């Protein structure tokens, strides 16, 4: 069974995502900030990460750089964000090999589940 790691500083969002992801048949792991995520990602071995873009502490670029240093630069990540990206910003994001998609808050849970199914067996 595939595992999805949910990383967000908003406990309500984590709870909503956890319920939906489990209902779709995946295992879950959670982290409430970038530091906790980086400390626990090797232990949890997720197949995909739902990563909030704006959290206290490390920013997305710092997290991606640390993943590369850890040898996890190809870990699949779907960004979950309230930020609306320009086409130029999207192009920069998708240069990162592990960023496979992004979804904006508030998100449609059915849309997010479809994106998970496309990217995780």
C-alpha atoms as a PDB file:
ATOM      1  CA  UNK A   1       0.000   0.000   0.000  1.00  0.00           C
ATOM      2  CA  UNK A   2       1.396   3.406  -1.004  1.00  0.00           C
ATOM      3  CA  UNK A   3       2.068   6.049   1.625  1.00  0.00           C
ATOM      4  CA  UNK A   4       1.280   9.760   1.318  1.00  0.00           C
ATOM      5  CA  UNK A   5       3.014  12.208   3.644  1.00  0.00           C
ATOM      6  CA  UNK A   6       1.052  15.361   4.442  1.00  0.00           C
ATOM      7  CA  UNK A   7       3.075  18.412   5.475  1.00  0.00           C
ATOM      8  CA  UNK A   8       1.120  21.469   6.586  1.00  0.00           C
ATOM      9  CA  UNK A   9       1.093  23.761   9.609  1.00  0.00           C
ATOM     10  CA  UNK A  10      -2.720  23.849   9.614  1.00  0.00           C
ATOM     11  CA  UNK A  11      -4.046  20.936  11.674  1.00  0.00           C
ATOM     12  CA  UNK A  12      -7.525  21.181  10.094  1.00  0.00           C
ATOM     13  CA  UNK A  13      -6.060  20.769   6.618  1.00  0.00           C
ATOM     14  CA  UNK A  14      -3.942  17.829   7.750  1.00  0.00           C
ATOM     15  CA  UNK A  15      -6.979  16.172   9.314  1.00  0.00           C
ATOM     16  CA  UNK A  16      -9.124  16.698   6.200  1.00  0.00           C
ATOM     17  CA  UNK A  17      -6.402  15.384   3.914  1.00  0.00           C
ATOM     18  CA  UNK A  18      -5.616  12.445   6.175  1.00  0.00           C
ATOM     19  CA  UNK A  19      -9.236  11.282   6.225  1.00  0.00           C
ATOM     20  CA  UNK A  20      -9.582  11.596   2.445  1.00  0.00           C
ATOM     21  CA  UNK A  21      -6.232   9.983   1.665  1.00  0.00           C
ATOM     22  CA  UNK A  22      -6.953   7.025   3.976  1.00  0.00           C
ATOM     23  CA  UNK A  23     -10.429   6.651   2.487  1.00  0.00           C
ATOM     24  CA  UNK A  24      -8.783   6.422  -0.956  1.00  0.00           C
ATOM     25  CA  UNK A  25      -6.749   3.468   0.308  1.00  0.00           C
ATOM     26  CA  UNK A  26      -3.376   5.024   1.103  1.00  0.00           C
ATOM     27  CA  UNK A  27      -1.366   4.970   4.303  1.00  0.00           C
ATOM     28  CA  UNK A  28      -0.524   8.390   5.740  1.00  0.00           C
ATOM     29  CA  UNK A  29       2.188  10.148   7.680  1.00  0.00           C
ATOM     30  CA  UNK A  30       2.151  13.756   8.834  1.00  0.00           C
ATOM     31  CA  UNK A  31       4.487  16.603   9.652  1.00  0.00           C
ATOM     32  CA  UNK A  32       3.570  20.078  10.828  1.00  0.00           C
ATOM     33  CA  UNK A  33       6.553  21.982   9.420  1.00  0.00           C
ATOM     34  CA  UNK A  34       9.531  21.554   7.120  1.00  0.00           C
ATOM     35  CA  UNK A  35      11.978  20.649   9.863  1.00  0.00           C
ATOM     36  CA  UNK A  36       9.756  17.845  11.186  1.00  0.00           C
ATOM     37  CA  UNK A  37       9.239  16.612   7.629  1.00  0.00           C
ATOM     38  CA  UNK A  38      12.982  16.444   6.946  1.00  0.00           C
ATOM     39  CA  UNK A  39      13.632  14.672  10.262  1.00  0.00           C
ATOM     40  CA  UNK A  40      11.025  12.001   9.557  1.00  0.00           C
ATOM     41  CA  UNK A  41      10.898  11.525   5.778  1.00  0.00           C
ATOM     42  CA  UNK A  42      13.420   8.644   5.755  1.00  0.00           C
ATOM     43  CA  UNK A  43      11.527   6.849   8.532  1.00  0.00           C
ATOM     44  CA  UNK A  44       8.141   7.141   6.784  1.00  0.00           C
ATOM     45  CA  UNK A  45       9.401   6.473   3.229  1.00  0.00           C
ATOM     46  CA  UNK A  46       6.448   8.138   1.469  1.00  0.00           C
ATOM     47  CA  UNK A  47       5.645   7.507  -2.171  1.00  0.00           C
ATOM     48  CA  UNK A  48       4.393  11.088  -2.501  1.00  0.00           C
ATOM     49  CA  UNK A  49       4.312  14.238  -0.360  1.00  0.00           C
ATOM     50  CA  UNK A  50       1.558  16.841  -0.166  1.00  0.00           C
ATOM     51  CA  UNK A  51       3.618  19.872   0.828  1.00  0.00           C
ATOM     52  CA  UNK A  52       2.244  23.214   1.970  1.00  0.00           C
ATOM     53  CA  UNK A  53       4.204  26.077   0.403  1.00  0.00           C
ATOM     54  CA  UNK A  54       3.875  28.632   3.203  1.00  0.00           C
ATOM     55  CA  UNK A  55       4.796  27.373   6.674  1.00  0.00           C
ATOM     56  CA  UNK A  56       6.862  28.749   9.529  1.00  0.00           C
ATOM     57  CA  UNK A  57      10.538  27.836   9.398  1.00  0.00           C
ATOM     58  CA  UNK A  58      12.008  26.413   6.220  1.00  0.00           C
ATOM     59  CA  UNK A  59      10.675  27.622   2.893  1.00  0.00           C
ATOM     60  CA  UNK A  60       9.972  25.339  -0.075  1.00  0.00           C
ATOM     61  CA  UNK A  61      13.350  25.991  -1.723  1.00  0.00           C
ATOM     62  CA  UNK A  62      15.187  25.121   1.485  1.00  0.00           C
ATOM     63  CA  UNK A  63      13.185  21.914   1.863  1.00  0.00           C
ATOM     64  CA  UNK A  64      13.904  20.913  -1.753  1.00  0.00           C
ATOM     65  CA  UNK A  65      17.619  21.625  -1.309  1.00  0.00           C
ATOM     66  CA  UNK A  66      17.747  19.508   1.851  1.00  0.00           C
ATOM     67  CA  UNK A  67      15.945  16.649   0.099  1.00  0.00           C
ATOM     68  CA  UNK A  68      18.605  16.755  -2.636  1.00  0.00           C
ATOM     69  CA  UNK A  69      21.371  16.640  -0.027  1.00  0.00           C
ATOM     70  CA  UNK A  70      19.654  13.618   1.532  1.00  0.00           C
ATOM     71  CA  UNK A  71      19.526  11.851  -1.839  1.00  0.00           C
ATOM     72  CA  UNK A  72      15.745  12.297  -2.035  1.00  0.00           C
ATOM     73  CA  UNK A  73      15.668  14.796  -4.895  1.00  0.00           C
ATOM     74  CA  UNK A  74      13.262  12.621  -6.870  1.00  0.00           C
ATOM     75  CA  UNK A  75      10.644  12.193  -4.143  1.00  0.00           C
ATOM     76  CA  UNK A  76       7.300  13.062  -5.756  1.00  0.00           C
ATOM     77  CA  UNK A  77       5.773  16.254  -4.360  1.00  0.00           C
ATOM     78  CA  UNK A  78       2.446  17.942  -4.963  1.00  0.00           C
ATOM     79  CA  UNK A  79       2.507  21.476  -3.618  1.00  0.00           C
ATOM     80  CA  UNK A  80      -0.601  22.580  -1.725  1.00  0.00           C
ATOM     81  CA  UNK A  81      -0.746  26.352  -1.609  1.00  0.00           C
ATOM     82  CA  UNK A  82      -2.833  29.463  -1.210  1.00  0.00           C
ATOM     83  CA  UNK A  83      -0.309  31.235  -3.451  1.00  0.00           C
ATOM     84  CA  UNK A  84      -1.408  31.877  -7.030  1.00  0.00           C
ATOM     85  CA  UNK A  85       1.603  31.295  -9.273  1.00  0.00           C
ATOM     86  CA  UNK A  86       2.264  33.181 -12.486  1.00  0.00           C
ATOM     87  CA  UNK A  87       3.124  31.166 -15.596  1.00  0.00           C
ATOM     88  CA  UNK A  88       6.778  32.123 -15.085  1.00  0.00           C
ATOM     89  CA  UNK A  89       6.717  30.944 -11.472  1.00  0.00           C
ATOM     90  CA  UNK A  90       5.087  27.664 -12.529  1.00  0.00           C
ATOM     91  CA  UNK A  91       7.825  27.114 -15.107  1.00  0.00           C
ATOM     92  CA  UNK A  92      10.494  27.622 -12.430  1.00  0.00           C
ATOM     93  CA  UNK A  93       8.720  25.264 -10.005  1.00  0.00           C
ATOM     94  CA  UNK A  94       8.395  22.485 -12.532  1.00  0.00           C
ATOM     95  CA  UNK A  95      12.122  22.592 -13.281  1.00  0.00           C
ATOM     96  CA  UNK A  96      12.494  20.807  -9.963  1.00  0.00           C
ATOM     97  CA  UNK A  97      12.326  17.091 -10.788  1.00  0.00           C
ATOM     98  CA  UNK A  98      10.306  16.196  -7.719  1.00  0.00           C
ATOM     99  CA  UNK A  99       7.562  18.826  -8.116  1.00  0.00           C
ATOM    100  CA  UNK A 100       4.978  16.944 -10.132  1.00  0.00           C
ATOM    101  CA  UNK A 101       1.916  19.115  -9.547  1.00  0.00           C
ATOM    102  CA  UNK A 102       0.393  21.797  -7.383  1.00  0.00           C
ATOM    103  CA  UNK A 103      -3.085  22.557  -6.161  1.00  0.00           C
ATOM    104  CA  UNK A 104      -4.381  25.817  -4.720  1.00  0.00           C
ATOM    105  CA  UNK A 105      -6.311  26.297  -1.485  1.00  0.00           C
ATOM    106  CA  UNK A 106      -9.171  26.120  -1.077  1.00  0.00           C
ATOM    107  CA  UNK A 107      -8.944  22.887  -3.042  1.00  0.00           C
ATOM    108  CA  UNK A 108     -11.540  20.460  -4.295  1.00  0.00           C
ATOM    109  CA  UNK A 109     -10.826  17.206  -2.457  1.00  0.00           C
ATOM    110  CA  UNK A 110     -12.052  15.089  -5.376  1.00  0.00           C
ATOM    111  CA  UNK A 111      -9.662  16.892  -7.722  1.00  0.00           C
ATOM    112  CA  UNK A 112      -6.787  16.302  -5.313  1.00  0.00           C
ATOM    113  CA  UNK A 113      -7.638  12.609  -4.984  1.00  0.00           C
ATOM    114  CA  UNK A 114      -7.650  12.256  -8.782  1.00  0.00           C
ATOM    115  CA  UNK A 115      -4.201  13.838  -8.931  1.00  0.00           C
ATOM    116  CA  UNK A 116      -2.959  11.400  -6.284  1.00  0.00           C
ATOM    117  CA  UNK A 117      -4.324   8.416  -8.188  1.00  0.00           C
ATOM    118  CA  UNK A 118      -2.561   9.579 -11.372  1.00  0.00           C
ATOM    119  CA  UNK A 119       0.778   9.785  -9.591  1.00  0.00           C
ATOM    120  CA  UNK A 120       0.733   6.978  -7.022  1.00  0.00           C
ATOM    121  CA  UNK A 121      -0.130   3.380  -7.858  1.00  0.00           C
END
